[in-house]
Amino acid sequence: MENLASAWDGTEIKTALEPLANQYEDWIGRQTTEVANLPAELRAKALEHLDDCRDALRRMREGLGLIASNPLSFEAIQLANQAMLLQRQKSTESINFQLGKGRIFNAATPA
């Protein structure tokens, strides 16, 4: 969240997140090869789910392109990540305070 909130531009965010999309694409490919090993009655549904995964991947890549090319989209993703980061920090501070560690962010929180 911190890296995305403090990125210089949308291209930096796209570059940071493209490996995630690539790994997801690889995972989809591996799952596709496993469909043949499923019982026949499950194959059609598995292929349907994998089509949904491919659609999600397409939307992720389109979103990354939009963040890289549209300054307003870039600003929106930065603000969203700033908000999530602040919420995470405050939640951790609250837990640590309840544990008697004070209002610190770095202390380990309970599992």
C-alpha atoms as a PDB file:
ATOM      1  CA  MET A   1       0.000   0.000   0.000  1.00  0.00           C
ATOM      2  CA  GLU A   2       2.778   2.394   0.889  1.00  0.00           C
ATOM      3  CA  ASN A   3       4.591   1.830  -2.404  1.00  0.00           C
ATOM      4  CA  LEU A   4       1.420   2.366  -4.421  1.00  0.00           C
ATOM      5  CA  ALA A   5       0.456   5.436  -2.396  1.00  0.00           C
ATOM      6  CA  SER A   6       3.854   7.047  -2.928  1.00  0.00           C
ATOM      7  CA  ALA A   7       4.474   6.077  -6.572  1.00  0.00           C
ATOM      8  CA  TRP A   8       5.697   8.860  -8.864  1.00  0.00           C
ATOM      9  CA  ASP A   9       3.367   8.010 -11.723  1.00  0.00           C
ATOM     10  CA  GLY A  10       1.005   5.415 -13.076  1.00  0.00           C
ATOM     11  CA  THR A  11       3.733   3.671 -15.019  1.00  0.00           C
ATOM     12  CA  GLU A  12       5.531   2.928 -11.741  1.00  0.00           C
ATOM     13  CA  ILE A  13       2.363   1.325 -10.373  1.00  0.00           C
ATOM     14  CA  LYS A  14       1.812  -0.648 -13.572  1.00  0.00           C
ATOM     15  CA  THR A  15       5.396  -1.904 -13.485  1.00  0.00           C
ATOM     16  CA  ALA A  16       5.043  -2.885  -9.823  1.00  0.00           C
ATOM     17  CA  LEU A  17       1.812  -4.832 -10.365  1.00  0.00           C
ATOM     18  CA  GLU A  18       2.441  -6.454 -13.756  1.00  0.00           C
ATOM     19  CA  PRO A  19       4.314  -9.407 -12.187  1.00  0.00           C
ATOM     20  CA  LEU A  20       1.177 -10.192 -10.170  1.00  0.00           C
ATOM     21  CA  ALA A  21      -0.915 -10.271 -13.348  1.00  0.00           C
ATOM     22  CA  ASN A  22       1.724 -12.422 -15.059  1.00  0.00           C
ATOM     23  CA  GLN A  23       1.751 -14.889 -12.170  1.00  0.00           C
ATOM     24  CA  TYR A  24      -2.041 -15.028 -12.246  1.00  0.00           C
ATOM     25  CA  GLU A  25      -1.905 -15.770 -15.973  1.00  0.00           C
ATOM     26  CA  ASP A  26       0.597 -18.588 -15.323  1.00  0.00           C
ATOM     27  CA  TRP A  27      -1.684 -19.990 -12.605  1.00  0.00           C
ATOM     28  CA  ILE A  28      -4.653 -19.924 -14.987  1.00  0.00           C
ATOM     29  CA  GLY A  29      -2.567 -21.822 -17.535  1.00  0.00           C
ATOM     30  CA  ARG A  30      -1.628 -24.474 -14.976  1.00  0.00           C
ATOM     31  CA  GLN A  31      -5.243 -24.874 -13.891  1.00  0.00           C
ATOM     32  CA  THR A  32      -6.347 -25.190 -17.513  1.00  0.00           C
ATOM     33  CA  THR A  33      -4.034 -28.161 -18.006  1.00  0.00           C
ATOM     34  CA  GLU A  34      -5.541 -29.803 -14.920  1.00  0.00           C
ATOM     35  CA  VAL A  35      -9.100 -29.690 -16.254  1.00  0.00           C
ATOM     36  CA  ALA A  36      -8.522 -32.880 -18.252  1.00  0.00           C
ATOM     37  CA  ASN A  37      -7.827 -34.686 -14.961  1.00  0.00           C
ATOM     38  CA  LEU A  38     -11.217 -33.766 -13.503  1.00  0.00           C
ATOM     39  CA  PRO A  39     -14.256 -36.022 -13.647  1.00  0.00           C
ATOM     40  CA  ALA A  40     -16.206 -35.380 -16.848  1.00  0.00           C
ATOM     41  CA  GLU A  41     -19.163 -33.858 -14.991  1.00  0.00           C
ATOM     42  CA  LEU A  42     -16.914 -31.132 -13.503  1.00  0.00           C
ATOM     43  CA  ARG A  43     -14.986 -30.097 -16.611  1.00  0.00           C
ATOM     44  CA  ALA A  44     -17.558 -27.711 -18.095  1.00  0.00           C
ATOM     45  CA  LYS A  45     -17.898 -25.796 -14.817  1.00  0.00           C
ATOM     46  CA  ALA A  46     -14.128 -25.703 -14.371  1.00  0.00           C
ATOM     47  CA  LEU A  47     -13.718 -24.244 -17.861  1.00  0.00           C
ATOM     48  CA  GLU A  48     -16.429 -21.700 -17.096  1.00  0.00           C
ATOM     49  CA  HIS A  49     -14.575 -20.620 -13.948  1.00  0.00           C
ATOM     50  CA  LEU A  50     -11.315 -20.374 -15.862  1.00  0.00           C
ATOM     51  CA  ASP A  51     -13.038 -18.167 -18.440  1.00  0.00           C
ATOM     52  CA  ASP A  52     -14.077 -15.938 -15.528  1.00  0.00           C
ATOM     53  CA  CYS A  53     -10.450 -15.898 -14.375  1.00  0.00           C
ATOM     54  CA  ARG A  54      -9.288 -14.852 -17.848  1.00  0.00           C
ATOM     55  CA  ASP A  55     -11.869 -12.078 -17.844  1.00  0.00           C
ATOM     56  CA  ALA A  56     -10.628 -10.900 -14.441  1.00  0.00           C
ATOM     57  CA  LEU A  57      -7.059 -10.928 -15.755  1.00  0.00           C
ATOM     58  CA  ARG A  58      -8.108  -8.884 -18.780  1.00  0.00           C
ATOM     59  CA  ARG A  59      -9.810  -6.340 -16.505  1.00  0.00           C
ATOM     60  CA  MET A  60      -6.740  -6.160 -14.247  1.00  0.00           C
ATOM     61  CA  ARG A  61      -4.490  -5.458 -17.217  1.00  0.00           C
ATOM     62  CA  GLU A  62      -6.912  -2.868 -18.588  1.00  0.00           C
ATOM     63  CA  GLY A  63      -6.961  -1.212 -15.168  1.00  0.00           C
ATOM     64  CA  LEU A  64      -3.172  -1.124 -15.016  1.00  0.00           C
ATOM     65  CA  GLY A  65      -3.119   0.461 -18.462  1.00  0.00           C
ATOM     66  CA  LEU A  66      -5.639   3.049 -17.334  1.00  0.00           C
ATOM     67  CA  ILE A  67      -3.625   3.869 -14.218  1.00  0.00           C
ATOM     68  CA  ALA A  68      -0.522   4.307 -16.373  1.00  0.00           C
ATOM     69  CA  SER A  69      -2.237   6.495 -18.980  1.00  0.00           C
ATOM     70  CA  ASN A  70      -4.853   8.493 -17.079  1.00  0.00           C
ATOM     71  CA  PRO A  71      -3.691  10.966 -14.397  1.00  0.00           C
ATOM     72  CA  LEU A  72      -7.081  10.947 -12.657  1.00  0.00           C
ATOM     73  CA  SER A  73      -7.028   7.144 -12.372  1.00  0.00           C
ATOM     74  CA  PHE A  74      -3.473   7.326 -11.056  1.00  0.00           C
ATOM     75  CA  GLU A  75      -4.521   9.843  -8.401  1.00  0.00           C
ATOM     76  CA  ALA A  76      -7.525   7.705  -7.438  1.00  0.00           C
ATOM     77  CA  ILE A  77      -5.389   4.600  -6.891  1.00  0.00           C
ATOM     78  CA  GLN A  78      -2.902   6.626  -4.856  1.00  0.00           C
ATOM     79  CA  LEU A  79      -5.654   8.036  -2.627  1.00  0.00           C
ATOM     80  CA  ALA A  80      -7.240   4.617  -2.166  1.00  0.00           C
ATOM     81  CA  ASN A  81      -3.909   3.137  -1.085  1.00  0.00           C
ATOM     82  CA  GLN A  82      -3.215   6.068   1.247  1.00  0.00           C
ATOM     83  CA  ALA A  83      -6.589   5.472   2.904  1.00  0.00           C
ATOM     84  CA  MET A  84      -5.979   1.710   3.256  1.00  0.00           C
ATOM     85  CA  LEU A  85      -2.490   2.311   4.650  1.00  0.00           C
ATOM     86  CA  LEU A  86      -3.771   4.801   7.216  1.00  0.00           C
ATOM     87  CA  GLN A  87      -6.538   2.403   8.260  1.00  0.00           C
ATOM     88  CA  ARG A  88      -4.046  -0.448   8.639  1.00  0.00           C
ATOM     89  CA  GLN A  89      -1.729   1.701  10.725  1.00  0.00           C
ATOM     90  CA  LYS A  90      -4.534   2.886  12.991  1.00  0.00           C
ATOM     91  CA  SER A  91      -5.849  -0.655  13.464  1.00  0.00           C
ATOM     92  CA  THR A  92      -2.389  -1.882  14.437  1.00  0.00           C
ATOM     93  CA  GLU A  93      -1.860   1.073  16.770  1.00  0.00           C
ATOM     94  CA  SER A  94      -5.200   0.336  18.431  1.00  0.00           C
ATOM     95  CA  ILE A  95      -4.357  -3.336  18.982  1.00  0.00           C
ATOM     96  CA  ASN A  96      -0.928  -2.452  20.364  1.00  0.00           C
ATOM     97  CA  PHE A  97      -2.456   0.145  22.690  1.00  0.00           C
ATOM     98  CA  GLN A  98      -4.926  -2.447  24.002  1.00  0.00           C
ATOM     99  CA  LEU A  99      -1.990  -4.794  24.624  1.00  0.00           C
ATOM    100  CA  GLY A 100      -0.230  -2.114  26.650  1.00  0.00           C
ATOM    101  CA  LYS A 101       2.444  -1.431  24.016  1.00  0.00           C
ATOM    102  CA  GLY A 102       1.412   2.168  23.466  1.00  0.00           C
ATOM    103  CA  ARG A 103       0.305   3.739  20.218  1.00  0.00           C
ATOM    104  CA  ILE A 104       3.019   2.317  17.994  1.00  0.00           C
ATOM    105  CA  PHE A 105       2.759   0.838  14.529  1.00  0.00           C
ATOM    106  CA  ASN A 106       5.884  -1.339  14.464  1.00  0.00           C
ATOM    107  CA  ALA A 107       5.099  -3.649  17.392  1.00  0.00           C
ATOM    108  CA  ALA A 108       4.059  -7.184  16.519  1.00  0.00           C
ATOM    109  CA  THR A 109       0.342  -7.766  16.701  1.00  0.00           C
ATOM    110  CA  PRO A 110      -1.257 -10.970  17.951  1.00  0.00           C
ATOM    111  CA  ALA A 111      -2.132 -13.650  15.417  1.00  0.00           C
END
